[in-house]
N, C-alpha and C. Protein backbone atom coordinates (compact mmCIF):
# COMPACT_ATOMS: atom_id res chain seq x y z
N MET A 1 -35.10 56.83 178.64
CA MET A 1 -36.27 56.33 179.33
C MET A 1 -37.55 56.92 178.74
N GLY A 2 -37.46 58.13 178.15
CA GLY A 2 -38.62 58.79 177.58
C GLY A 2 -39.24 58.02 176.43
N ARG A 3 -38.39 57.48 175.54
CA ARG A 3 -38.91 56.72 174.39
C ARG A 3 -39.60 55.44 174.84
N ILE A 4 -39.06 54.80 175.85
CA ILE A 4 -39.68 53.58 176.36
C ILE A 4 -41.05 53.90 176.95
N ASN A 5 -41.12 54.98 177.71
CA ASN A 5 -42.41 55.39 178.28
C ASN A 5 -43.40 55.79 177.19
N ASP A 6 -42.93 56.48 176.16
CA ASP A 6 -43.82 56.84 175.04
C ASP A 6 -44.39 55.58 174.39
N PHE A 7 -43.52 54.61 174.15
CA PHE A 7 -43.95 53.35 173.55
C PHE A 7 -44.96 52.64 174.45
N LYS A 8 -44.67 52.59 175.74
CA LYS A 8 -45.57 51.94 176.71
C LYS A 8 -46.92 52.65 176.75
N ASN A 9 -46.92 53.97 176.74
CA ASN A 9 -48.18 54.74 176.75
C ASN A 9 -48.98 54.50 175.47
N MET A 10 -48.29 54.50 174.34
CA MET A 10 -48.98 54.24 173.08
C MET A 10 -49.62 52.86 173.09
N LEU A 11 -48.92 51.87 173.62
CA LEU A 11 -49.43 50.51 173.67
C LEU A 11 -50.64 50.41 174.60
N THR A 12 -50.53 50.95 175.80
CA THR A 12 -51.63 50.83 176.76
C THR A 12 -52.84 51.69 176.38
N GLU A 13 -52.63 52.76 175.65
CA GLU A 13 -53.74 53.62 175.22
C GLU A 13 -54.32 53.17 173.88
N GLY A 14 -53.76 52.14 173.28
CA GLY A 14 -54.29 51.62 172.02
C GLY A 14 -53.91 52.43 170.81
N ARG A 15 -52.95 53.34 170.93
CA ARG A 15 -52.55 54.19 169.81
C ARG A 15 -51.42 53.59 168.98
N LEU A 16 -50.87 52.49 169.42
CA LEU A 16 -49.74 51.90 168.72
C LEU A 16 -50.23 51.09 167.52
N GLY A 17 -49.63 51.31 166.38
CA GLY A 17 -49.94 50.56 165.18
C GLY A 17 -48.66 50.12 164.51
N PHE A 18 -48.80 49.55 163.33
CA PHE A 18 -47.62 49.13 162.59
C PHE A 18 -47.91 49.16 161.10
N THR A 19 -46.86 49.14 160.31
CA THR A 19 -46.97 48.99 158.87
C THR A 19 -45.95 47.97 158.39
N MET A 20 -46.26 47.38 157.24
CA MET A 20 -45.34 46.45 156.58
C MET A 20 -45.45 46.68 155.08
N ASP A 21 -44.34 46.47 154.38
CA ASP A 21 -44.30 46.61 152.92
C ASP A 21 -44.32 45.21 152.31
N GLU A 22 -45.22 45.02 151.35
CA GLU A 22 -45.35 43.70 150.72
C GLU A 22 -45.38 43.85 149.21
N VAL A 23 -44.69 42.95 148.53
CA VAL A 23 -44.68 42.93 147.07
C VAL A 23 -45.22 41.59 146.62
N MET A 24 -46.21 41.63 145.73
CA MET A 24 -46.78 40.42 145.13
C MET A 24 -46.53 40.52 143.63
N THR A 25 -45.86 39.52 143.06
CA THR A 25 -45.44 39.55 141.67
C THR A 25 -45.98 38.32 140.95
N GLY A 26 -46.42 38.52 139.72
CA GLY A 26 -46.91 37.39 138.95
C GLY A 26 -47.38 37.79 137.58
N SER A 27 -48.60 37.36 137.24
CA SER A 27 -49.09 37.58 135.89
C SER A 27 -50.59 37.83 135.90
N HIS A 28 -51.07 38.24 134.73
CA HIS A 28 -52.51 38.43 134.53
C HIS A 28 -52.82 38.06 133.09
N VAL A 29 -54.10 37.81 132.84
CA VAL A 29 -54.57 37.51 131.48
C VAL A 29 -55.82 38.34 131.24
N PHE A 30 -55.75 39.22 130.22
CA PHE A 30 -56.90 40.04 129.86
C PHE A 30 -58.05 39.17 129.35
N GLU A 31 -59.26 39.63 129.62
CA GLU A 31 -60.42 39.09 128.93
C GLU A 31 -60.32 39.55 127.47
N PRO A 32 -60.81 38.78 126.51
CA PRO A 32 -60.61 39.09 125.09
C PRO A 32 -60.98 40.51 124.66
N GLU A 33 -62.01 41.11 125.23
CA GLU A 33 -62.38 42.45 124.78
C GLU A 33 -61.46 43.55 125.31
N PHE A 34 -60.55 43.20 126.24
CA PHE A 34 -59.65 44.20 126.80
C PHE A 34 -58.20 44.05 126.34
N GLY A 35 -57.90 42.99 125.65
CA GLY A 35 -56.54 42.79 125.16
C GLY A 35 -56.33 41.36 124.73
N THR A 36 -55.15 41.10 124.25
CA THR A 36 -54.79 39.75 123.83
C THR A 36 -54.79 38.83 125.05
N PRO A 37 -55.55 37.73 125.01
CA PRO A 37 -55.62 36.84 126.17
C PRO A 37 -54.37 35.96 126.32
N GLU A 38 -53.28 36.62 126.72
CA GLU A 38 -52.02 35.90 126.96
C GLU A 38 -51.49 36.33 128.32
N GLU A 39 -50.66 35.50 128.89
CA GLU A 39 -50.09 35.80 130.20
C GLU A 39 -49.16 37.00 130.10
N ARG A 40 -49.39 37.99 130.99
CA ARG A 40 -48.58 39.21 131.02
C ARG A 40 -48.20 39.52 132.46
N PHE A 41 -47.16 40.35 132.63
CA PHE A 41 -46.64 40.70 133.96
C PHE A 41 -47.64 41.50 134.78
N MET A 42 -47.64 41.23 136.07
CA MET A 42 -48.41 42.04 137.03
C MET A 42 -47.65 42.06 138.36
N GLU A 43 -47.73 43.21 139.05
CA GLU A 43 -47.13 43.32 140.38
C GLU A 43 -47.83 44.40 141.16
N PHE A 44 -48.05 44.15 142.44
CA PHE A 44 -48.47 45.24 143.32
C PHE A 44 -47.53 45.31 144.51
N ASN A 45 -47.22 46.55 144.87
CA ASN A 45 -46.27 46.86 145.91
C ASN A 45 -47.01 47.76 146.89
N VAL A 46 -47.39 47.21 148.04
CA VAL A 46 -48.25 47.95 148.96
C VAL A 46 -47.68 48.00 150.37
N THR A 47 -48.10 49.00 151.09
CA THR A 47 -47.82 49.12 152.52
C THR A 47 -49.15 48.97 153.22
N TRP A 48 -49.19 48.11 154.22
CA TRP A 48 -50.42 47.88 154.95
C TRP A 48 -50.13 47.80 156.44
N GLY A 49 -51.16 47.95 157.23
CA GLY A 49 -51.03 47.85 158.69
C GLY A 49 -52.02 48.75 159.38
N PRO A 50 -52.40 48.40 160.59
CA PRO A 50 -53.36 49.21 161.35
C PRO A 50 -52.70 50.42 162.00
N LYS A 51 -53.42 51.52 162.02
CA LYS A 51 -52.92 52.71 162.73
C LYS A 51 -53.01 52.51 164.23
N GLU A 52 -53.99 51.72 164.64
CA GLU A 52 -54.18 51.42 166.06
C GLU A 52 -54.31 49.91 166.23
N PHE A 53 -53.46 49.35 167.07
CA PHE A 53 -53.40 47.90 167.22
C PHE A 53 -54.62 47.33 167.94
N THR A 54 -55.13 48.04 168.95
CA THR A 54 -56.23 47.50 169.76
C THR A 54 -57.48 47.18 168.93
N PRO A 55 -57.99 48.11 168.09
CA PRO A 55 -59.15 47.73 167.27
C PRO A 55 -58.84 46.60 166.29
N PHE A 56 -57.60 46.53 165.82
CA PHE A 56 -57.17 45.51 164.88
C PHE A 56 -57.27 44.10 165.49
N ILE A 57 -57.03 43.97 166.77
CA ILE A 57 -57.07 42.65 167.41
C ILE A 57 -58.35 42.41 168.20
N ASN A 58 -59.31 43.33 168.15
CA ASN A 58 -60.58 43.18 168.87
C ASN A 58 -61.54 42.34 168.03
N PRO A 59 -61.80 41.08 168.41
CA PRO A 59 -62.64 40.21 167.58
C PRO A 59 -64.11 40.64 167.52
N PHE A 60 -64.51 41.59 168.36
CA PHE A 60 -65.90 42.04 168.37
C PHE A 60 -66.09 43.35 167.58
N GLY A 61 -65.01 43.92 167.07
CA GLY A 61 -65.08 45.19 166.35
C GLY A 61 -65.10 45.01 164.84
N ASP A 62 -65.47 46.06 164.13
CA ASP A 62 -65.54 46.01 162.67
C ASP A 62 -64.17 46.17 162.00
N LYS A 63 -63.12 46.45 162.78
CA LYS A 63 -61.77 46.57 162.23
C LYS A 63 -60.91 45.36 162.55
N PHE A 64 -61.54 44.28 163.03
CA PHE A 64 -60.80 43.08 163.42
C PHE A 64 -60.04 42.51 162.24
N LEU A 65 -58.73 42.49 162.34
CA LEU A 65 -57.80 41.97 161.34
C LEU A 65 -58.04 42.58 159.95
N LYS A 66 -58.49 43.83 159.93
CA LYS A 66 -58.72 44.57 158.69
C LYS A 66 -57.98 45.90 158.80
N ASN A 67 -57.30 46.27 157.72
CA ASN A 67 -56.56 47.53 157.76
C ASN A 67 -56.41 48.10 156.36
N LYS A 68 -55.92 49.31 156.31
CA LYS A 68 -55.76 50.03 155.05
C LYS A 68 -54.47 49.59 154.36
N LEU A 69 -54.51 49.62 153.03
CA LEU A 69 -53.29 49.41 152.26
C LEU A 69 -53.21 50.50 151.20
N GLU A 70 -52.00 50.83 150.82
CA GLU A 70 -51.78 51.77 149.73
C GLU A 70 -50.42 51.49 149.11
N GLY A 71 -50.31 51.82 147.84
CA GLY A 71 -49.06 51.59 147.14
C GLY A 71 -49.23 51.79 145.66
N THR A 72 -48.63 50.88 144.87
CA THR A 72 -48.70 50.98 143.42
C THR A 72 -48.99 49.61 142.81
N VAL A 73 -49.56 49.65 141.61
CA VAL A 73 -49.84 48.43 140.87
C VAL A 73 -49.34 48.60 139.44
N THR A 74 -48.75 47.55 138.91
CA THR A 74 -48.34 47.49 137.51
C THR A 74 -49.05 46.31 136.86
N ILE A 75 -49.78 46.59 135.80
CA ILE A 75 -50.47 45.55 135.04
C ILE A 75 -50.08 45.77 133.59
N ASP A 76 -49.22 44.89 133.08
CA ASP A 76 -48.71 45.05 131.72
C ASP A 76 -49.86 45.19 130.72
N GLY A 77 -49.76 46.23 129.88
CA GLY A 77 -50.79 46.50 128.90
C GLY A 77 -51.89 47.40 129.43
N MET A 78 -51.80 47.77 130.71
CA MET A 78 -52.85 48.60 131.32
C MET A 78 -52.28 49.79 132.09
N CYS A 79 -51.33 49.53 133.00
CA CYS A 79 -50.80 50.62 133.83
C CYS A 79 -49.42 50.24 134.37
N TYR A 80 -48.67 51.27 134.79
CA TYR A 80 -47.33 51.07 135.32
C TYR A 80 -47.15 51.91 136.57
N ASN A 81 -46.85 51.26 137.69
CA ASN A 81 -46.65 51.95 138.98
C ASN A 81 -47.75 52.97 139.26
N THR A 82 -48.97 52.56 139.07
CA THR A 82 -50.14 53.41 139.28
C THR A 82 -50.55 53.36 140.74
N PRO A 83 -50.81 54.51 141.36
CA PRO A 83 -51.22 54.51 142.76
C PRO A 83 -52.49 53.68 142.97
N CYS A 84 -52.51 52.95 144.09
CA CYS A 84 -53.69 52.18 144.46
C CYS A 84 -53.93 52.33 145.96
N GLU A 85 -55.17 52.10 146.36
CA GLU A 85 -55.55 52.24 147.76
C GLU A 85 -56.72 51.33 148.05
N GLY A 86 -56.71 50.71 149.23
CA GLY A 86 -57.80 49.82 149.59
C GLY A 86 -57.61 49.22 150.97
N THR A 87 -57.94 47.91 151.08
CA THR A 87 -57.88 47.24 152.37
C THR A 87 -57.21 45.88 152.24
N LEU A 88 -56.67 45.44 153.36
CA LEU A 88 -56.17 44.07 153.50
C LEU A 88 -56.95 43.48 154.66
N GLU A 89 -57.59 42.34 154.41
CA GLU A 89 -58.37 41.65 155.44
C GLU A 89 -57.73 40.30 155.71
N LEU A 90 -57.37 40.07 156.96
CA LEU A 90 -56.80 38.79 157.37
C LEU A 90 -57.94 37.94 157.93
N ASN A 91 -58.69 37.31 157.04
CA ASN A 91 -59.87 36.53 157.43
C ASN A 91 -59.49 35.10 157.77
N TYR A 92 -58.52 34.94 158.65
CA TYR A 92 -58.02 33.63 159.03
C TYR A 92 -59.12 32.75 159.62
N PHE A 93 -59.92 33.32 160.50
CA PHE A 93 -60.87 32.53 161.27
C PHE A 93 -62.22 32.38 160.57
N SER A 94 -62.68 33.39 159.89
CA SER A 94 -64.02 33.33 159.28
C SER A 94 -64.04 32.63 157.93
N GLU A 95 -63.00 32.84 157.11
CA GLU A 95 -63.00 32.29 155.75
C GLU A 95 -61.71 31.55 155.38
N ALA A 96 -60.75 31.54 156.25
CA ALA A 96 -59.43 30.96 155.96
C ALA A 96 -58.82 31.60 154.71
N LYS A 97 -58.91 32.95 154.65
CA LYS A 97 -58.42 33.71 153.49
C LYS A 97 -57.72 34.99 153.95
N ILE A 98 -56.89 35.49 153.07
CA ILE A 98 -56.37 36.85 153.17
C ILE A 98 -56.86 37.55 151.90
N ARG A 99 -57.50 38.70 152.04
CA ARG A 99 -58.09 39.39 150.88
C ARG A 99 -57.47 40.78 150.72
N TYR A 100 -56.93 41.03 149.52
CA TYR A 100 -56.40 42.34 149.13
C TYR A 100 -57.43 42.97 148.20
N THR A 101 -57.98 44.10 148.58
CA THR A 101 -58.93 44.82 147.73
C THR A 101 -58.38 46.23 147.55
N PHE A 102 -58.14 46.62 146.31
CA PHE A 102 -57.68 47.99 146.10
C PHE A 102 -58.22 48.55 144.79
N ASP A 103 -58.37 49.86 144.80
CA ASP A 103 -58.86 50.59 143.63
C ASP A 103 -57.72 51.38 143.03
N PHE A 104 -57.80 51.58 141.71
CA PHE A 104 -56.82 52.39 141.00
C PHE A 104 -57.51 52.97 139.77
N GLU A 105 -56.86 53.94 139.17
CA GLU A 105 -57.46 54.64 138.03
C GLU A 105 -56.50 54.63 136.85
N VAL A 106 -57.06 54.39 135.67
CA VAL A 106 -56.28 54.43 134.43
C VAL A 106 -57.06 55.26 133.43
N ASP A 107 -56.44 56.32 132.93
CA ASP A 107 -57.07 57.20 131.94
C ASP A 107 -58.47 57.65 132.37
N GLY A 108 -58.60 58.01 133.64
CA GLY A 108 -59.87 58.54 134.15
C GLY A 108 -60.92 57.48 134.46
N LYS A 109 -60.59 56.21 134.31
CA LYS A 109 -61.55 55.14 134.58
C LYS A 109 -61.10 54.36 135.82
N ALA A 110 -62.06 54.08 136.72
CA ALA A 110 -61.76 53.40 137.98
C ALA A 110 -61.85 51.88 137.83
N TYR A 111 -60.87 51.20 138.44
CA TYR A 111 -60.81 49.75 138.44
C TYR A 111 -60.64 49.25 139.86
N ARG A 112 -61.01 48.00 140.08
CA ARG A 112 -60.81 47.36 141.39
C ARG A 112 -60.14 46.01 141.20
N HIS A 113 -59.13 45.77 142.02
CA HIS A 113 -58.49 44.45 142.08
C HIS A 113 -58.90 43.81 143.40
N VAL A 114 -59.33 42.56 143.33
CA VAL A 114 -59.57 41.76 144.53
C VAL A 114 -58.76 40.48 144.36
N GLY A 115 -57.85 40.27 145.29
CA GLY A 115 -57.02 39.07 145.26
C GLY A 115 -57.12 38.35 146.59
N GLU A 116 -57.11 37.03 146.54
CA GLU A 116 -57.24 36.25 147.77
C GLU A 116 -56.19 35.15 147.85
N LYS A 117 -55.63 35.06 149.04
CA LYS A 117 -54.82 33.90 149.41
C LYS A 117 -55.80 32.98 150.13
N VAL A 118 -55.98 31.78 149.62
CA VAL A 118 -57.07 30.92 150.09
C VAL A 118 -56.58 29.67 150.81
N ASN A 119 -57.53 29.01 151.49
CA ASN A 119 -57.27 27.74 152.16
C ASN A 119 -56.13 27.86 153.17
N ILE A 120 -56.18 28.92 153.97
CA ILE A 120 -55.15 29.16 154.97
C ILE A 120 -55.29 28.14 156.10
N LYS A 121 -54.32 27.29 156.22
CA LYS A 121 -54.26 26.27 157.27
C LYS A 121 -52.85 26.26 157.84
N PRO A 122 -52.70 25.89 159.12
CA PRO A 122 -51.35 25.90 159.71
C PRO A 122 -50.35 25.02 158.97
N TRP A 123 -50.78 23.95 158.35
CA TRP A 123 -49.87 23.02 157.71
C TRP A 123 -49.51 23.41 156.27
N ASN A 124 -50.16 24.43 155.70
CA ASN A 124 -49.83 24.78 154.31
C ASN A 124 -49.44 26.25 154.15
N LEU A 125 -48.95 26.85 155.20
CA LEU A 125 -48.62 28.29 155.17
C LEU A 125 -47.64 28.67 154.07
N PRO A 126 -46.61 27.88 153.76
CA PRO A 126 -45.70 28.28 152.67
C PRO A 126 -46.40 28.41 151.31
N ILE A 127 -47.50 27.70 151.12
CA ILE A 127 -48.24 27.79 149.87
C ILE A 127 -49.38 28.80 149.99
N SER A 128 -50.20 28.65 151.03
CA SER A 128 -51.39 29.50 151.15
C SER A 128 -51.05 30.97 151.38
N HIS A 129 -49.92 31.25 152.02
CA HIS A 129 -49.54 32.64 152.28
C HIS A 129 -48.72 33.25 151.14
N THR A 130 -48.45 32.49 150.10
CA THR A 130 -47.62 33.02 149.02
C THR A 130 -48.36 33.14 147.69
N THR A 131 -49.51 32.51 147.53
CA THR A 131 -50.22 32.49 146.25
C THR A 131 -51.52 33.27 146.37
N CYS A 132 -51.72 34.23 145.46
CA CYS A 132 -52.89 35.11 145.51
C CYS A 132 -53.63 35.06 144.17
N PHE A 133 -54.88 34.60 144.21
CA PHE A 133 -55.73 34.51 143.02
C PHE A 133 -56.62 35.73 142.97
N GLY A 134 -56.70 36.42 141.82
CA GLY A 134 -57.47 37.65 141.80
C GLY A 134 -58.13 37.98 140.48
N THR A 135 -58.83 39.10 140.52
CA THR A 135 -59.48 39.64 139.33
C THR A 135 -59.33 41.16 139.33
N VAL A 136 -59.36 41.72 138.12
CA VAL A 136 -59.46 43.17 137.94
C VAL A 136 -60.79 43.40 137.24
N VAL A 137 -61.59 44.30 137.80
CA VAL A 137 -62.88 44.62 137.21
C VAL A 137 -63.02 46.12 137.04
N GLU A 138 -63.90 46.52 136.12
CA GLU A 138 -64.29 47.93 136.04
C GLU A 138 -65.09 48.22 137.30
N LYS A 139 -64.70 49.24 138.03
CA LYS A 139 -65.35 49.51 139.31
C LYS A 139 -66.83 49.87 139.13
N GLU A 140 -67.14 50.64 138.12
CA GLU A 140 -68.53 51.09 137.93
C GLU A 140 -69.46 49.97 137.50
N THR A 141 -69.01 49.11 136.60
CA THR A 141 -69.89 48.09 136.03
C THR A 141 -69.68 46.69 136.61
N GLY A 142 -68.51 46.45 137.21
CA GLY A 142 -68.18 45.12 137.71
C GLY A 142 -67.74 44.17 136.61
N LYS A 143 -67.57 44.69 135.40
CA LYS A 143 -67.17 43.87 134.25
C LYS A 143 -65.74 43.39 134.43
N LEU A 144 -65.54 42.07 134.22
CA LEU A 144 -64.23 41.46 134.37
C LEU A 144 -63.28 41.94 133.27
N VAL A 145 -62.13 42.45 133.68
CA VAL A 145 -61.10 42.93 132.76
C VAL A 145 -59.97 41.91 132.63
N SER A 146 -59.56 41.34 133.78
CA SER A 146 -58.40 40.45 133.78
C SER A 146 -58.45 39.51 134.97
N LYS A 147 -57.87 38.34 134.82
CA LYS A 147 -57.68 37.41 135.94
C LYS A 147 -56.20 37.46 136.31
N THR A 148 -55.91 37.42 137.60
CA THR A 148 -54.54 37.61 138.07
C THR A 148 -54.08 36.44 138.94
N LEU A 149 -52.78 36.22 138.93
CA LEU A 149 -52.15 35.24 139.80
C LEU A 149 -50.80 35.82 140.22
N THR A 150 -50.71 36.17 141.50
CA THR A 150 -49.47 36.77 142.00
C THR A 150 -48.93 35.95 143.17
N PHE A 151 -47.64 36.15 143.44
CA PHE A 151 -46.96 35.37 144.47
C PHE A 151 -46.12 36.27 145.36
N PHE A 152 -46.08 35.92 146.64
CA PHE A 152 -45.12 36.48 147.57
C PHE A 152 -43.90 35.58 147.47
N LYS A 153 -42.81 36.14 147.02
CA LYS A 153 -41.60 35.34 146.82
C LYS A 153 -40.88 35.16 148.16
N LEU A 154 -40.67 33.92 148.54
CA LEU A 154 -40.06 33.63 149.84
C LEU A 154 -38.70 34.29 150.01
N LYS A 155 -37.98 34.50 148.90
CA LYS A 155 -36.66 35.14 149.01
C LYS A 155 -36.77 36.60 149.47
N THR A 156 -37.98 37.16 149.43
CA THR A 156 -38.18 38.54 149.91
C THR A 156 -38.64 38.58 151.36
N SER A 157 -38.68 37.43 152.02
CA SER A 157 -39.19 37.35 153.40
C SER A 157 -38.42 38.25 154.36
N LEU A 158 -37.09 38.28 154.26
CA LEU A 158 -36.31 39.12 155.17
C LEU A 158 -36.62 40.60 154.97
N ALA A 159 -36.76 41.02 153.72
CA ALA A 159 -37.11 42.42 153.45
C ALA A 159 -38.50 42.73 153.99
N PHE A 160 -39.42 41.80 153.84
CA PHE A 160 -40.78 41.96 154.36
C PHE A 160 -40.75 42.13 155.88
N ILE A 161 -40.04 41.25 156.56
CA ILE A 161 -39.95 41.34 158.02
C ILE A 161 -39.23 42.63 158.44
N ALA A 162 -38.18 42.99 157.73
CA ALA A 162 -37.42 44.21 158.05
C ALA A 162 -38.23 45.47 157.81
N SER A 163 -39.28 45.38 157.01
CA SER A 163 -40.10 46.56 156.71
C SER A 163 -41.04 46.93 157.86
N LEU A 164 -41.16 46.06 158.86
CA LEU A 164 -42.05 46.31 160.00
C LEU A 164 -41.65 47.61 160.69
N LYS A 165 -42.61 48.51 160.78
CA LYS A 165 -42.39 49.79 161.46
C LYS A 165 -43.54 50.01 162.43
N PHE A 166 -43.19 50.40 163.65
CA PHE A 166 -44.22 50.74 164.63
C PHE A 166 -44.50 52.23 164.55
N ALA A 167 -45.75 52.58 164.70
CA ALA A 167 -46.13 54.00 164.62
C ALA A 167 -47.11 54.34 165.73
């Protein structure tokens, strides 16, 4: 009975949060000054979720459907399983987008990846929730390094759902 009461107290006090593990796999193409402009492997493996559920679902707050993400990114020709950290924004209502923004460092230089799942509509969820269009830029200058295209593979859906953890 103690665990149930703990869960109930966490929920009513707004301290209950969750995390999920997500893998997006695909490719990227360097801009000519950063490498050969050919399609190369890219993947990011991140854990995201709000520490507190109440601010996450409060439409009047600055944390509405926005939470922290962290994990690793692999960009062939640039980095391999490099730590990354940033935010995941579920902008369903304002922009019909999901936006992954994370920073990472390679050889002492900071980079930012911004990827978006766009045109989120109830009738196209299998496409809009699986395809992410993005860019990698130098964080300091904003100079474009690479364009990215990653996918959430539907065959990983069960692992994604099973990764749900309440905290």
